[in-house]
Amino acid sequence: MLINQDFSPDRTKYIGGSDIGAILGLSRFRSPLEVWMEKTGKEARQLDSLPLRFGSFAEEFVASEYARATGFELLHDESIHIHPEHSYMCAHVDRFVLEGGSTPSRILECKTANPFTLFTSSEWGEVGSDEVPMSYLCQCIWYMAITNIDRVDLAVLFGNSDFRIYEITRDQELERMVIQKATTFWQEHVLKDIPPPAISESDCHALFGKGDPGKSIEAKTGTLELTNRLQLLNSEIEVREEEISSIKQNIMNQMQEAETLTHQGKVLATWKAPKPSFRLDSKRLELDHPEITSNYKVQVQNSRRLVIKSFNS
């Protein structure tokens, strides 16, 4: 089933390929709760960030490099595809691949990646394999399930010098598992407006942003041990921070007025002031023009802060 390309789909009505990895807890960038908040209209996803704009800009280049490398013709169809049995499943495919005919034989998904991140070497396998980041693999599985096409070529540009093509073939068993998980998420959380479990501190802040001053609960078994462990870890951090500060002081005392520290002709450290920046002197403005500042004051609700108290049993 297709939705006309002139129609801009409401993201709250569908699960898209960029959502499924997060729903399964496989994304470094979004949690299941964040997807749930978007789908239930509690928080709109920012769709105009620099990485998103660059990815959209680079898509055409990656697609052209794929066509150059394979000799295949590409079809840029901006229609929105819906699964024939699951109306919540949505796909917006980058390109369809035509191998000598008018019927698409595979899907092309275009990506860019930073070659200097810590995750790059472990998440991407040999060229031509299906060893790609799990969130991208789930996206490919999602698209194959919706379009009934049995292969996705994932073309990725690392930096500006390393172009690779990975090959993902359809796995019906894995596909059924992904659809089952997505169905559970949609029916049990989105439609029933019940949040999925929090998996990060930011999730906890999003779910429980407002506290009840009159409410107190008894700690569960084992929570005392956790709070003691947390205090121990915090004390270890304080020790490390003191050691770091001591090392910095040693280096600063050696450098004194010098802005550069070298070792055998190579720069070991620099100690420079950044370029001047400007800020609004709000206190002075309030003293000189109180009638102006009063019109622009807004109340800011601070986030809840977790404080662990010492407890001797």
Protein backbone atom coordinates (compact mmCIF):
# COMPACT_ATOMS: atom_id res chain seq x y z
CA MET A 1 0.00 0.00 0.00
CA LEU A 2 1.30 3.47 -0.87
CA ILE A 3 0.52 6.93 0.39
CA ASN A 4 0.77 9.64 -2.23
CA GLN A 5 4.16 11.32 -2.21
CA ASP A 6 2.55 14.73 -1.72
CA PHE A 7 1.21 13.56 1.63
CA SER A 8 3.38 14.32 4.65
CA PRO A 9 2.74 11.48 7.12
CA ASP A 10 1.96 12.28 10.73
CA ARG A 11 4.77 10.56 12.66
CA THR A 12 2.39 9.89 15.53
CA LYS A 13 0.38 7.51 13.33
CA TYR A 14 3.17 5.18 12.22
CA ILE A 15 6.36 3.43 13.23
CA GLY A 16 9.04 4.22 10.65
CA GLY A 17 12.35 2.63 9.82
CA SER A 18 14.25 5.17 11.92
CA ASP A 19 12.06 4.28 14.93
CA ILE A 20 12.33 0.51 15.05
CA GLY A 21 15.92 0.28 16.30
CA ALA A 22 15.13 2.65 19.16
CA ILE A 23 11.96 0.73 20.04
CA LEU A 24 14.05 -2.43 20.37
CA GLY A 25 16.57 -0.61 22.60
CA LEU A 26 19.34 -0.79 19.99
CA SER A 27 19.85 2.91 19.29
CA ARG A 28 22.52 5.08 20.91
CA PHE A 29 20.52 8.19 20.12
CA ARG A 30 16.93 7.47 21.19
CA SER A 31 15.23 5.28 23.78
CA PRO A 32 11.90 3.43 23.52
CA LEU A 33 10.43 6.04 25.85
CA GLU A 34 11.45 8.89 23.55
CA VAL A 35 9.74 7.15 20.62
CA TRP A 36 6.65 6.60 22.78
CA MET A 37 6.55 10.27 23.74
CA GLU A 38 6.69 11.24 20.07
CA LYS A 39 4.01 8.78 19.00
CA THR A 40 1.66 9.84 21.79
CA GLY A 41 2.17 13.53 21.04
CA LYS A 42 3.87 14.30 24.35
CA GLU A 43 7.05 15.52 22.72
CA ALA A 44 7.77 16.37 19.09
CA ARG A 45 11.03 15.10 17.64
CA GLN A 46 13.42 17.77 16.34
CA LEU A 47 13.53 17.22 12.58
CA ASP A 48 15.76 20.15 11.70
CA SER A 49 19.17 19.44 13.20
CA LEU A 50 22.55 19.75 11.48
CA PRO A 51 23.19 15.96 11.36
CA LEU A 52 19.76 15.38 9.82
CA ARG A 53 20.28 18.12 7.25
CA PHE A 54 23.71 16.77 6.34
CA GLY A 55 22.38 13.22 6.05
CA SER A 56 19.67 14.41 3.70
CA PHE A 57 22.20 16.41 1.68
CA ALA A 58 24.68 13.52 1.44
CA GLU A 59 22.03 10.95 0.45
CA GLU A 60 22.15 11.96 -3.22
CA PHE A 61 25.95 11.67 -3.32
CA VAL A 62 25.96 8.25 -1.63
CA ALA A 63 23.28 7.02 -4.03
CA SER A 64 25.26 8.27 -7.06
CA GLU A 65 28.42 6.53 -5.79
CA TYR A 66 26.45 3.31 -5.40
CA ALA A 67 25.15 3.59 -8.98
CA ARG A 68 28.68 4.28 -10.20
CA ALA A 69 30.08 1.26 -8.31
CA THR A 70 27.37 -1.22 -9.33
CA GLY A 71 26.13 0.07 -12.68
CA PHE A 72 22.54 -0.35 -11.48
CA GLU A 73 19.76 2.11 -12.24
CA LEU A 74 18.09 3.70 -9.23
CA LEU A 75 14.49 4.73 -8.71
CA HIS A 76 13.90 7.64 -6.32
CA ASP A 77 10.32 7.06 -5.23
CA GLU A 78 9.27 9.35 -2.38
CA SER A 79 6.01 7.52 -1.74
CA ILE A 80 5.31 6.32 1.79
CA HIS A 81 4.84 2.54 1.94
CA ILE A 82 2.51 0.88 4.45
CA HIS A 83 2.54 -2.81 5.41
CA PRO A 84 -0.49 -4.62 3.91
CA GLU A 85 -1.42 -6.23 7.26
CA HIS A 86 -0.07 -3.80 9.84
CA SER A 87 -1.27 -0.26 9.19
CA TYR A 88 1.11 1.25 11.76
CA MET A 89 4.19 0.03 9.84
CA CYS A 90 5.58 2.77 7.58
CA ALA A 91 8.60 2.90 5.25
CA HIS A 92 10.21 5.77 3.39
CA VAL A 93 12.84 4.10 1.20
CA ASP A 94 15.91 6.03 0.02
CA ARG A 95 16.09 4.34 -3.39
CA PHE A 96 14.87 1.25 -5.23
CA VAL A 97 17.39 -0.66 -7.32
CA LEU A 98 16.48 -1.71 -10.87
CA GLU A 99 18.58 -4.52 -12.34
CA GLY A 100 17.67 -4.43 -16.00
CA GLY A 101 13.93 -4.18 -15.52
CA SER A 102 11.20 -1.89 -14.27
CA THR A 103 10.48 -3.88 -11.10
CA PRO A 104 12.71 -3.11 -8.10
CA SER A 105 14.89 -6.07 -7.16
CA ARG A 106 16.41 -4.61 -4.01
CA ILE A 107 16.38 -1.55 -1.75
CA LEU A 108 19.21 0.93 -1.36
CA GLU A 109 19.65 2.58 2.01
CA CYS A 110 22.18 5.45 2.15
CA LYS A 111 24.18 6.32 5.26
CA THR A 112 27.11 8.46 6.36
CA ALA A 113 29.36 7.62 9.30
CA ASN A 114 32.10 9.28 11.29
CA PRO A 115 35.25 7.13 10.92
CA PHE A 116 36.73 8.51 14.15
CA THR A 117 34.05 7.44 16.63
CA LEU A 118 34.77 4.66 19.10
CA PHE A 119 31.88 2.59 17.75
CA THR A 120 32.90 2.55 14.09
CA SER A 121 35.43 -0.28 14.14
CA SER A 122 33.27 -2.64 16.21
CA GLU A 123 29.91 -2.03 14.54
CA TRP A 124 30.90 -2.23 10.87
CA GLY A 125 32.24 -5.50 9.46
CA GLU A 126 33.81 -6.49 6.17
CA VAL A 127 32.59 -4.90 2.96
CA GLY A 128 29.81 -6.99 1.42
CA SER A 129 28.80 -8.55 4.74
CA ASP A 130 25.68 -7.86 6.80
CA GLU A 131 27.72 -6.71 9.80
CA VAL A 132 26.24 -3.25 10.30
CA PRO A 133 25.00 -1.37 13.40
CA MET A 134 22.00 -3.16 14.85
CA SER A 135 19.70 -0.15 14.52
CA TYR A 136 20.48 0.01 10.78
CA LEU A 137 19.98 -3.74 10.44
CA CYS A 138 16.54 -3.43 12.03
CA GLN A 139 15.72 -0.59 9.65
CA CYS A 140 16.59 -2.81 6.68
CA ILE A 141 14.52 -5.68 8.11
CA TRP A 142 11.62 -3.25 8.55
CA TYR A 143 11.78 -2.07 4.93
CA MET A 144 11.97 -5.61 3.52
CA ALA A 145 8.94 -6.65 5.57
CA ILE A 146 6.88 -3.71 4.29
CA THR A 147 7.92 -3.83 0.61
CA ASN A 148 8.24 -7.63 0.30
CA ILE A 149 11.70 -7.18 -1.25
CA ASP A 150 14.31 -9.71 -0.18
CA ARG A 151 17.51 -7.65 -0.18
CA VAL A 152 18.79 -4.29 0.99
CA ASP A 153 22.13 -2.82 -0.02
CA LEU A 154 23.38 -0.47 2.67
CA ALA A 155 25.77 2.07 1.12
CA VAL A 156 27.79 4.07 3.63
CA LEU A 157 30.34 6.85 3.28
CA PHE A 158 32.89 7.05 6.09
CA GLY A 159 34.21 10.59 6.26
CA ASN A 160 35.05 11.64 2.72
CA SER A 161 37.33 8.83 1.62
CA ASP A 162 35.90 5.41 2.47
CA PHE A 163 32.83 4.17 0.57
CA ARG A 164 31.41 0.71 1.31
CA ILE A 165 28.41 -1.41 0.35
CA TYR A 166 26.92 -3.94 2.78
CA GLU A 167 24.41 -6.59 1.79
CA ILE A 168 21.44 -7.57 3.98
CA THR A 169 19.20 -10.42 2.89
CA ARG A 170 15.76 -11.17 4.23
CA ASP A 171 15.46 -13.35 7.33
CA GLN A 172 11.83 -14.31 7.89
CA GLU A 173 12.32 -15.51 11.47
CA LEU A 174 14.13 -12.32 12.50
CA GLU A 175 11.51 -10.29 10.65
CA ARG A 176 8.67 -11.93 12.59
CA MET A 177 10.43 -11.21 15.88
CA VAL A 178 10.91 -7.53 14.99
CA ILE A 179 7.27 -7.16 13.92
CA GLN A 180 6.10 -8.87 17.11
CA LYS A 181 8.14 -6.51 19.27
CA ALA A 182 6.87 -3.51 17.29
CA THR A 183 3.27 -4.71 17.57
CA THR A 184 3.59 -5.08 21.33
CA PHE A 185 5.07 -1.59 21.59
CA TRP A 186 2.29 -0.11 19.45
CA GLN A 187 -0.64 -1.93 21.06
CA GLU A 188 0.49 -2.04 24.69
CA HIS A 189 2.21 1.33 24.95
CA VAL A 190 1.17 3.73 22.19
CA LEU A 191 -2.51 2.83 21.86
CA LYS A 192 -2.96 2.33 25.61
CA ASP A 193 -0.86 5.43 26.40
CA ILE A 194 1.30 3.46 28.84
CA PRO A 195 5.00 4.38 28.82
CA PRO A 196 7.63 1.68 28.30
CA PRO A 197 10.18 1.21 31.12
CA ALA A 198 12.82 3.89 31.52
CA ILE A 199 16.30 2.78 30.45
CA SER A 200 18.31 5.92 31.25
CA GLU A 201 18.49 8.82 33.68
CA SER A 202 17.04 11.14 31.04
CA ASP A 203 14.11 8.74 30.67
CA CYS A 204 13.49 8.96 34.43
CA HIS A 205 13.55 12.75 34.29
CA ALA A 206 11.11 12.70 31.38
CA LEU A 207 8.71 10.31 33.12
CA PHE A 208 8.92 11.66 36.64
CA GLY A 209 9.79 15.32 36.11
CA LYS A 210 7.41 16.54 38.81
CA GLY A 211 7.74 15.41 42.38
CA ASP A 212 5.12 15.18 45.15
CA PRO A 213 6.45 16.84 48.33
CA GLY A 214 3.94 14.94 50.45
CA LYS A 215 4.82 11.51 49.12
CA SER A 216 7.35 9.12 50.65
CA ILE A 217 7.96 5.45 49.90
CA GLU A 218 9.81 2.62 51.64
CA ALA A 219 12.96 1.39 49.89
CA LYS A 220 12.87 -2.02 48.25
CA THR A 221 15.08 -4.84 49.42
CA GLY A 222 18.59 -4.22 48.15
CA THR A 223 18.17 -0.48 47.59
CA LEU A 224 20.23 0.34 50.69
CA GLU A 225 23.10 -1.66 49.21
CA LEU A 226 22.73 0.26 45.95
CA THR A 227 22.85 3.65 47.69
CA ASN A 228 25.96 2.59 49.61
CA ARG A 229 27.57 1.45 46.38
CA LEU A 230 26.70 4.75 44.73
CA GLN A 231 28.30 6.71 47.56
CA LEU A 232 31.44 4.57 47.26
CA LEU A 233 31.65 5.22 43.52
CA ASN A 234 31.16 8.96 44.08
CA SER A 235 34.01 8.99 46.62
CA GLU A 236 36.26 7.22 44.10
CA ILE A 237 35.37 9.87 41.52
CA GLU A 238 36.31 12.60 44.01
CA VAL A 239 39.70 10.95 44.57
CA ARG A 240 40.33 10.76 40.83
CA GLU A 241 39.27 14.37 40.36
CA GLU A 242 41.73 15.46 43.07
CA GLU A 243 44.49 13.50 41.34
CA ILE A 244 43.59 15.06 37.99
CA SER A 245 43.65 18.53 39.54
CA SER A 246 47.04 17.86 41.14
CA ILE A 247 48.53 16.77 37.80
CA LYS A 248 47.12 19.85 36.07
CA GLN A 249 48.59 22.10 38.75
CA ASN A 250 52.00 20.46 38.29
CA ILE A 251 51.92 21.11 34.54
CA MET A 252 50.64 24.68 34.96
CA ASN A 253 53.41 25.47 37.46
CA GLN A 254 55.97 24.19 34.98
CA MET A 255 54.51 26.18 32.06
CA GLN A 256 53.88 29.42 34.00
CA GLU A 257 53.47 32.15 31.31
CA ALA A 258 54.31 29.81 28.44
CA GLU A 259 51.33 28.87 26.26
CA THR A 260 52.91 25.73 24.76
CA LEU A 261 54.61 22.73 26.35
CA THR A 262 56.75 20.59 24.04
CA HIS A 263 58.59 17.29 24.20
CA GLN A 264 61.28 16.49 21.63
CA GLY A 265 59.85 19.02 19.21
CA LYS A 266 56.23 17.87 19.53
CA VAL A 267 53.44 19.80 21.29
CA LEU A 268 52.59 18.07 24.54
CA ALA A 269 50.11 20.61 25.92
CA THR A 270 48.81 24.13 25.40
CA TRP A 271 47.51 26.62 27.94
CA LYS A 272 45.83 29.46 26.11
CA ALA A 273 42.93 31.80 26.67
CA PRO A 274 40.07 31.34 24.19
CA LYS A 275 38.90 34.18 22.01
CA PRO A 276 36.89 36.84 23.88
CA SER A 277 33.17 36.16 24.09
CA PHE A 278 30.32 38.44 24.99
CA ARG A 279 27.45 37.92 27.39
CA LEU A 280 24.58 39.97 28.63
CA ASP A 281 25.23 41.55 32.04
CA SER A 282 21.74 40.82 33.36
CA LYS A 283 22.45 42.13 36.87
CA ARG A 284 23.59 45.51 35.58
CA LEU A 285 20.67 45.66 33.16
CA GLU A 286 18.27 44.99 36.01
CA LEU A 287 19.85 47.75 38.13
CA ASP A 288 19.89 50.32 35.32
CA HIS A 289 16.57 49.43 33.68
CA PRO A 290 14.34 47.46 36.08
CA GLU A 291 11.24 48.47 34.12
CA ILE A 292 12.59 46.60 31.07
CA THR A 293 13.85 43.42 32.73
CA SER A 294 10.62 42.85 34.66
CA ASN A 295 8.78 42.38 31.37
CA TYR A 296 11.10 39.57 30.28
CA LYS A 297 11.41 37.51 33.43
CA VAL A 298 10.10 33.95 33.16
CA GLN A 299 9.94 31.30 35.81
CA VAL A 300 12.24 28.34 35.15
CA GLN A 301 11.30 24.95 36.55
CA ASN A 302 14.50 23.20 37.59
CA SER A 303 14.91 19.46 37.21
CA ARG A 304 14.59 17.18 40.19
CA ARG A 305 17.95 16.36 41.79
CA LEU A 306 18.69 12.97 43.35
CA VAL A 307 20.58 13.30 46.65
CA ILE A 308 21.78 10.18 48.47
CA LYS A 309 21.90 10.50 52.26
CA SER A 310 24.37 8.71 54.51
CA PHE A 311 22.74 5.83 56.35
CA ASN A 312 24.29 3.74 59.11
CA SER A 313 22.39 0.57 59.84
